[in-house]
């Protein structure tokens, strides 16, 4: 039980000790407020747990990124077997920007995609018809 839940439980016990009746309007309001405080305490503690989990995952990802960076910070005559030089011979792929006529979103296609003629907007999933000028 977290700090907020403990405080809410203490408050509930305090109100119970005062023997406030939930038969009158004031007692009903106090009972509802106590319910709300307990629910809020539980929700806040749950969010805190999720934040803690996210922070741990971020730390793990940062460690992994650092390891990958160390592995791939090689010069051109790298002799490691990490594969960091494998993409050296690949050509730079040129992308073309097209505005989707259906959703007006800017989308990018490479030359092979343009040549195939089957262009589908990744945003709205509609087919984009274009005329290629030569």
Protein backbone atom coordinates (compact mmCIF):
# COMPACT_ATOMS: atom_id res chain seq x y z
CA UNK A 1 0.00 0.00 0.00
CA UNK A 2 1.40 3.35 -1.01
CA UNK A 3 1.59 6.56 0.94
CA UNK A 4 -1.59 8.04 -0.56
CA UNK A 5 -3.59 4.87 0.06
CA UNK A 6 -2.38 4.83 3.65
CA UNK A 7 -3.48 8.44 4.11
CA UNK A 8 -6.87 7.67 2.54
CA UNK A 9 -7.30 4.64 4.83
CA UNK A 10 -6.37 6.79 7.84
CA UNK A 11 -8.95 9.38 6.80
CA UNK A 12 -11.59 6.64 6.38
CA UNK A 13 -10.80 5.33 9.88
CA UNK A 14 -10.92 8.83 11.31
CA UNK A 15 -14.37 9.47 9.81
CA UNK A 16 -15.59 6.06 10.98
CA UNK A 17 -14.30 6.88 14.48
CA UNK A 18 -16.33 10.08 14.47
CA UNK A 19 -19.41 7.95 13.76
CA UNK A 20 -20.62 10.26 11.02
CA UNK A 21 -23.90 8.87 9.78
CA UNK A 22 -24.45 8.45 6.08
CA UNK A 23 -28.17 8.89 6.65
CA UNK A 24 -28.01 12.67 6.42
CA UNK A 25 -26.85 14.77 3.45
CA UNK A 26 -23.53 15.80 5.00
CA UNK A 27 -22.65 12.20 5.85
CA UNK A 28 -23.48 11.09 2.31
CA UNK A 29 -21.21 13.78 0.86
CA UNK A 30 -18.36 12.81 3.19
CA UNK A 31 -18.77 9.12 2.30
CA UNK A 32 -18.68 9.91 -1.43
CA UNK A 33 -15.64 12.15 -0.98
CA UNK A 34 -13.83 9.37 0.89
CA UNK A 35 -14.64 6.95 -1.95
CA UNK A 36 -13.27 9.48 -4.42
CA UNK A 37 -10.09 10.04 -2.40
CA UNK A 38 -9.45 6.28 -2.23
CA UNK A 39 -9.99 5.86 -5.98
CA UNK A 40 -7.73 8.82 -6.75
CA UNK A 41 -5.01 7.47 -4.46
CA UNK A 42 -5.14 4.07 -6.19
CA UNK A 43 -5.04 5.68 -9.65
CA UNK A 44 -2.15 7.98 -8.78
CA UNK A 45 -0.16 5.08 -7.36
CA UNK A 46 -0.88 3.03 -10.50
CA UNK A 47 0.35 5.88 -12.71
CA UNK A 48 3.45 6.15 -10.53
CA UNK A 49 4.13 2.45 -11.05
CA UNK A 50 3.70 2.85 -14.82
CA UNK A 51 6.08 5.82 -14.87
CA UNK A 52 8.64 3.80 -12.95
CA UNK A 53 8.32 0.93 -15.45
CA UNK A 54 8.70 3.36 -18.36
CA UNK A 55 11.80 4.90 -16.78
CA UNK A 56 13.35 1.44 -16.42
CA UNK A 57 12.59 0.63 -20.05
CA UNK A 58 14.03 3.95 -21.20
CA UNK A 59 17.20 3.23 -19.23
CA UNK A 60 17.43 -0.20 -20.87
CA UNK A 61 16.96 1.34 -24.33
CA UNK A 62 19.60 3.99 -23.64
CA UNK A 63 22.04 1.28 -22.56
CA UNK A 64 21.26 -0.70 -25.71
CA UNK A 65 21.69 2.39 -27.90
CA UNK A 66 25.05 3.10 -26.26
CA UNK A 67 26.17 -0.47 -26.92
CA UNK A 68 25.10 -0.24 -30.56
CA UNK A 69 26.80 3.12 -30.93
CA UNK A 70 30.05 1.72 -29.54
CA UNK A 71 29.82 -1.25 -31.86
CA UNK A 72 29.19 0.81 -34.98
CA UNK A 73 31.51 3.76 -34.34
CA UNK A 74 34.02 2.21 -36.68
CA UNK A 75 36.31 3.70 -39.28
CA UNK A 76 36.27 2.62 -42.93
CA UNK A 77 38.66 -0.27 -42.45
CA UNK A 78 36.73 -1.89 -39.61
CA UNK A 79 37.68 -5.48 -38.92
CA UNK A 80 34.92 -6.23 -36.42
CA UNK A 81 32.23 -8.74 -37.32
CA UNK A 82 29.34 -6.51 -36.29
CA UNK A 83 28.16 -5.86 -39.86
CA UNK A 84 28.59 -2.11 -39.61
CA UNK A 85 30.20 -1.89 -43.05
CA UNK A 86 27.66 -4.09 -44.86
CA UNK A 87 25.63 -1.24 -46.32
CA UNK A 88 28.65 0.55 -47.76
CA UNK A 89 27.89 -0.46 -51.36
CA UNK A 90 24.18 0.33 -51.29
CA UNK A 91 23.06 3.19 -53.48
CA UNK A 92 21.34 6.17 -51.95
CA UNK A 93 17.65 5.80 -52.68
CA UNK A 94 15.95 8.95 -53.89
CA UNK A 95 12.44 9.64 -52.63
CA UNK A 96 9.78 11.76 -54.29
CA UNK A 97 7.28 13.80 -52.32
CA UNK A 98 3.66 13.62 -53.45
CA UNK A 99 0.63 15.23 -51.87
CA UNK A 100 -2.22 12.76 -51.54
CA UNK A 101 -5.26 14.15 -53.37
CA UNK A 102 -7.58 12.43 -50.89
CA UNK A 103 -6.20 13.47 -47.49
CA UNK A 104 -3.69 16.19 -48.55
CA UNK A 105 -0.95 14.46 -46.56
CA UNK A 106 2.59 14.59 -47.97
CA UNK A 107 3.80 11.07 -48.72
CA UNK A 108 7.09 9.80 -50.08
CA UNK A 109 7.75 7.12 -52.69
CA UNK A 110 10.96 5.82 -54.22
CA UNK A 111 11.49 5.35 -57.95
CA UNK A 112 10.65 1.64 -57.89
CA UNK A 113 7.33 2.37 -56.23
CA UNK A 114 6.56 5.05 -58.80
CA UNK A 115 7.42 2.68 -61.66
CA UNK A 116 5.13 -0.02 -60.29
CA UNK A 117 2.17 2.36 -60.49
CA UNK A 118 0.56 0.90 -57.35
CA UNK A 119 0.73 3.90 -55.06
CA UNK A 120 -1.34 3.73 -51.90
CA UNK A 121 -1.37 6.53 -49.36
CA UNK A 122 -0.15 5.15 -46.02
CA UNK A 123 -2.30 7.69 -44.22
CA UNK A 124 -5.77 7.23 -45.76
CA UNK A 125 -5.14 3.94 -47.65
CA UNK A 126 -6.55 5.42 -50.89
CA UNK A 127 -4.95 4.72 -54.27
CA UNK A 128 -2.99 7.63 -55.71
CA UNK A 129 -3.04 8.00 -59.48
CA UNK A 130 -0.18 10.00 -60.95
CA UNK A 131 1.14 10.74 -64.40
CA UNK A 132 4.88 10.44 -64.78
CA UNK A 133 6.31 13.03 -67.13
CA UNK A 134 9.38 11.92 -69.01
